[in-house]
């Protein structure tokens, strides 16, 4: 079933609250998953939960601080899973409940520019790992606007291209039909091929022995075959 307007509004409010609680001068809440696609494309995306990365230089400290803040300031949220680098919460509300999943990611440095913030992660293999983020809005049905950091459109296209082409490092699950739909939403947006290839080349899930152009073209071919069925 599609996400109802009331559920989406509530999800956005919860994500905004968590973003405010998590964010510091050194820790950054970055919306990922279906809500990041919603923000980047404006597409009518089905949402099952709220996914986010928390970029930090010190994962244990940031994770502990986040858990303490949520326990204090969002006492209705129930902690459902905790690992060394992950927190998951269930938020009950009048329209049901919302799952919030935060993956903590260590960065080595960051650089802010007029578009957003670029995070340099520990290198993998022979390539430098860069995660570019931008500021995007999600609007409730009453048009109230919430601003979030999300990974840039070229990086998002690269993420889903690596995923559906099957070459991504550390692929955590099989490719789903929803991944194909999400890639279609992203690929339909005007985007620069050179910027997208650069994002793939510097992506943390990019293997050393693959060419970024081949990965992108293979994902387009998969999408075209699916859309032609």
Protein backbone atom coordinates (compact mmCIF):
# COMPACT_ATOMS: atom_id res chain seq x y z
CA UNK A 1 0.00 0.00 0.00
CA UNK A 2 1.22 3.55 -0.69
CA UNK A 3 2.24 5.72 2.23
CA UNK A 4 -0.71 7.79 3.44
CA UNK A 5 -0.32 11.59 3.67
CA UNK A 6 -0.77 11.46 7.46
CA UNK A 7 1.91 8.79 7.80
CA UNK A 8 4.31 10.70 5.55
CA UNK A 9 3.75 13.96 7.44
CA UNK A 10 4.41 12.19 10.73
CA UNK A 11 7.51 10.48 9.36
CA UNK A 12 8.92 13.81 8.18
CA UNK A 13 8.27 15.37 11.60
CA UNK A 14 10.00 12.45 13.34
CA UNK A 15 12.98 12.60 10.96
CA UNK A 16 13.29 16.33 11.57
CA UNK A 17 13.21 15.84 15.34
CA UNK A 18 15.85 13.10 15.24
CA UNK A 19 18.02 15.17 12.89
CA UNK A 20 17.95 18.05 15.37
CA UNK A 21 18.81 15.79 18.31
CA UNK A 22 21.65 14.03 16.48
CA UNK A 23 23.28 16.97 14.75
CA UNK A 24 26.31 18.66 16.31
CA UNK A 25 29.28 20.58 14.93
CA UNK A 26 30.99 17.25 14.21
CA UNK A 27 28.13 14.78 13.83
CA UNK A 28 25.82 14.96 10.82
CA UNK A 29 22.41 13.35 10.25
CA UNK A 30 22.05 12.45 6.56
CA UNK A 31 18.71 11.12 5.34
CA UNK A 32 19.03 8.06 3.08
CA UNK A 33 16.72 5.43 1.58
CA UNK A 34 13.27 6.17 0.21
CA UNK A 35 12.89 9.57 1.88
CA UNK A 36 16.12 10.78 0.30
CA UNK A 37 14.71 9.78 -3.11
CA UNK A 38 11.49 11.63 -2.22
CA UNK A 39 13.57 14.74 -1.46
CA UNK A 40 15.76 14.48 -4.58
CA UNK A 41 13.03 13.65 -7.11
CA UNK A 42 9.63 14.59 -5.68
CA UNK A 43 8.40 11.17 -6.83
CA UNK A 44 5.51 9.40 -5.10
CA UNK A 45 7.72 6.90 -3.30
CA UNK A 46 6.42 4.16 -1.00
CA UNK A 47 8.02 4.46 2.43
CA UNK A 48 8.48 1.61 4.89
CA UNK A 49 10.73 3.38 7.38
CA UNK A 50 13.16 6.26 7.89
CA UNK A 51 16.78 5.45 7.02
CA UNK A 52 19.73 7.66 7.83
CA UNK A 53 23.48 7.77 8.18
CA UNK A 54 25.14 9.61 11.03
CA UNK A 55 28.55 10.81 9.87
CA UNK A 56 30.98 11.18 12.78
CA UNK A 57 34.67 10.98 13.66
CA UNK A 58 33.94 8.87 16.75
CA UNK A 59 31.25 6.20 16.32
CA UNK A 60 31.06 4.92 19.95
CA UNK A 61 30.76 8.45 21.37
CA UNK A 62 28.20 9.59 18.78
CA UNK A 63 26.15 6.42 19.18
CA UNK A 64 26.07 6.75 22.97
CA UNK A 65 25.19 10.44 22.83
CA UNK A 66 22.40 9.80 20.32
CA UNK A 67 20.92 7.01 22.42
CA UNK A 68 21.04 9.21 25.54
CA UNK A 69 19.42 12.18 23.77
CA UNK A 70 16.62 10.06 22.33
CA UNK A 71 15.97 8.44 25.71
CA UNK A 72 15.73 11.89 27.29
CA UNK A 73 13.98 13.96 24.63
CA UNK A 74 12.05 11.32 22.66
CA UNK A 75 10.98 8.99 25.44
CA UNK A 76 8.15 7.57 23.32
CA UNK A 77 10.74 6.01 20.99
CA UNK A 78 11.51 2.37 21.78
CA UNK A 79 15.03 1.10 21.10
CA UNK A 80 14.61 -2.11 19.08
CA UNK A 81 18.20 -2.80 17.95
CA UNK A 82 21.68 -1.63 18.87
CA UNK A 83 25.03 -2.74 17.48
CA UNK A 84 28.49 -1.18 17.51
CA UNK A 85 27.51 1.13 14.64
CA UNK A 86 23.72 1.06 14.39
CA UNK A 87 20.62 2.17 16.29
CA UNK A 88 17.02 1.31 15.43
CA UNK A 89 13.93 2.77 17.08
CA UNK A 90 10.18 2.28 16.83
CA UNK A 91 8.13 5.46 17.16
CA UNK A 92 4.45 4.84 17.99
CA UNK A 93 1.98 7.54 16.93
CA UNK A 94 -1.71 8.02 16.18
CA UNK A 95 -1.37 6.68 12.62
CA UNK A 96 0.55 3.54 13.57
CA UNK A 97 4.30 3.53 14.09
CA UNK A 98 7.50 4.51 12.31
CA UNK A 99 10.79 2.63 12.26
CA UNK A 100 13.91 4.82 12.38
CA UNK A 101 17.21 3.16 11.43
CA UNK A 102 20.52 4.98 11.83
CA UNK A 103 23.83 3.65 10.51
CA UNK A 104 26.86 5.42 12.00
CA UNK A 105 29.69 6.07 9.54
CA UNK A 106 33.18 7.32 10.36
CA UNK A 107 34.60 10.12 8.25
CA UNK A 108 38.16 11.45 8.30
CA UNK A 109 37.46 15.00 7.16
CA UNK A 110 34.74 17.12 5.62
CA UNK A 111 34.55 20.14 3.37
CA UNK A 112 31.58 22.47 3.16
CA UNK A 113 30.76 24.39 0.01
CA UNK A 114 27.80 26.31 -1.36
CA UNK A 115 25.94 23.09 -2.25
CA UNK A 116 26.47 21.07 0.91
CA UNK A 117 29.11 18.99 2.66
CA UNK A 118 31.55 16.45 1.20
CA UNK A 119 32.75 13.72 3.55
CA UNK A 120 36.06 11.94 3.05
CA UNK A 121 35.83 8.39 4.39
CA UNK A 122 38.70 5.95 4.99
CA UNK A 123 40.03 4.80 1.61
CA UNK A 124 39.02 1.41 0.23
CA UNK A 125 41.39 -0.37 -2.08
CA UNK A 126 43.14 2.10 -4.35
CA UNK A 127 40.46 4.78 -4.54
CA UNK A 128 39.62 7.75 -2.37
CA UNK A 129 36.13 7.57 -0.87
CA UNK A 130 34.05 10.76 -1.03
CA UNK A 131 30.39 11.09 -0.05
CA UNK A 132 28.87 14.40 -1.26
CA UNK A 133 25.72 15.68 0.45
CA UNK A 134 23.30 18.49 -0.37
CA UNK A 135 20.48 20.28 1.41
CA UNK A 136 16.99 19.33 0.20
CA UNK A 137 13.45 19.96 1.42
CA UNK A 138 10.61 17.62 2.30
CA UNK A 139 7.20 19.28 2.59
CA UNK A 140 4.23 18.19 4.63
CA UNK A 141 0.77 18.31 3.06
CA UNK A 142 0.28 21.76 4.63
CA UNK A 143 3.47 22.83 2.75
CA UNK A 144 5.50 23.21 5.94
CA UNK A 145 9.08 22.62 4.87
CA UNK A 146 11.80 20.59 6.59
CA UNK A 147 15.39 20.79 5.34
CA UNK A 148 17.55 17.67 5.40
CA UNK A 149 21.03 16.69 4.31
CA UNK A 150 20.84 13.94 1.69
CA UNK A 151 23.47 12.37 -0.55
CA UNK A 152 23.73 14.20 -3.87
CA UNK A 153 21.80 13.09 -6.95
CA UNK A 154 24.94 11.80 -8.78
CA UNK A 155 25.96 9.83 -5.68
CA UNK A 156 22.42 8.44 -5.23
CA UNK A 157 22.32 7.35 -8.89
CA UNK A 158 25.72 5.74 -8.36
CA UNK A 159 24.53 3.95 -5.23
CA UNK A 160 21.57 2.36 -6.96
CA UNK A 161 23.58 1.67 -10.13
CA UNK A 162 26.13 -0.29 -8.09
CA UNK A 163 23.31 -2.07 -6.28
CA UNK A 164 21.21 -3.20 -9.24
CA UNK A 165 24.22 -4.03 -11.43
CA UNK A 166 25.27 -6.49 -8.75
CA UNK A 167 28.87 -5.32 -8.40
CA UNK A 168 28.57 -3.34 -5.15
CA UNK A 169 30.95 -4.27 -2.38
CA UNK A 170 29.32 -5.37 0.89
CA UNK A 171 25.91 -5.84 -0.73
CA UNK A 172 23.72 -6.47 2.32
CA UNK A 173 20.70 -8.01 0.58
CA UNK A 174 19.47 -9.20 -2.82
CA UNK A 175 18.21 -6.63 -5.32
CA UNK A 176 14.49 -5.91 -4.96
CA UNK A 177 11.93 -4.59 -7.43
CA UNK A 178 11.76 -1.47 -5.26
CA UNK A 179 15.45 -0.89 -6.03
CA UNK A 180 14.66 -0.87 -9.75
CA UNK A 181 11.82 1.61 -9.19
CA UNK A 182 14.00 3.86 -7.05
CA UNK A 183 16.76 3.82 -9.66
CA UNK A 184 14.20 4.73 -12.32
CA UNK A 185 13.06 7.76 -10.29
CA UNK A 186 16.66 8.92 -9.85
CA UNK A 187 17.81 8.24 -13.41
CA UNK A 188 14.84 10.20 -14.79
CA UNK A 189 16.13 13.38 -13.15
CA UNK A 190 18.42 15.65 -15.21
CA UNK A 191 21.95 14.74 -14.19
CA UNK A 192 25.51 15.16 -15.36
CA UNK A 193 27.14 11.92 -16.54
CA UNK A 194 30.65 13.05 -15.63
CA UNK A 195 29.59 13.91 -12.06
CA UNK A 196 27.79 10.59 -11.79
CA UNK A 197 30.82 8.63 -12.99
CA UNK A 198 33.02 10.50 -10.50
CA UNK A 199 30.57 9.68 -7.70
CA UNK A 200 30.65 5.98 -8.65
CA UNK A 201 34.46 5.97 -8.87
CA UNK A 202 34.75 7.43 -5.34
CA UNK A 203 31.88 5.39 -3.88
CA UNK A 204 32.64 3.22 -0.81
CA UNK A 205 31.00 0.22 -2.53
CA UNK A 206 32.96 0.56 -5.80
CA UNK A 207 35.30 -2.40 -6.47
CA UNK A 208 38.79 -1.59 -7.74
CA UNK A 209 38.52 -3.87 -10.77
CA UNK A 210 35.42 -2.26 -12.35
CA UNK A 211 35.00 0.76 -14.58
CA UNK A 212 32.45 3.38 -13.48
CA UNK A 213 31.09 3.78 -17.01
CA UNK A 214 30.52 0.05 -17.34
CA UNK A 215 28.66 -0.02 -14.02
CA UNK A 216 26.41 2.88 -15.00
CA UNK A 217 25.69 1.55 -18.49
CA UNK A 218 24.92 -1.93 -17.13
CA UNK A 219 22.40 -0.47 -14.68
CA UNK A 220 20.71 1.53 -17.48
CA UNK A 221 20.45 -1.65 -19.56
CA UNK A 222 18.85 -3.54 -16.67
CA UNK A 223 16.37 -0.71 -16.20
CA UNK A 224 15.50 -0.62 -19.91
CA UNK A 225 14.90 -4.38 -19.97
CA UNK A 226 12.61 -4.18 -16.93
CA UNK A 227 10.67 -1.26 -18.36
CA UNK A 228 10.29 -3.11 -21.67
CA UNK A 229 8.59 -6.11 -20.07
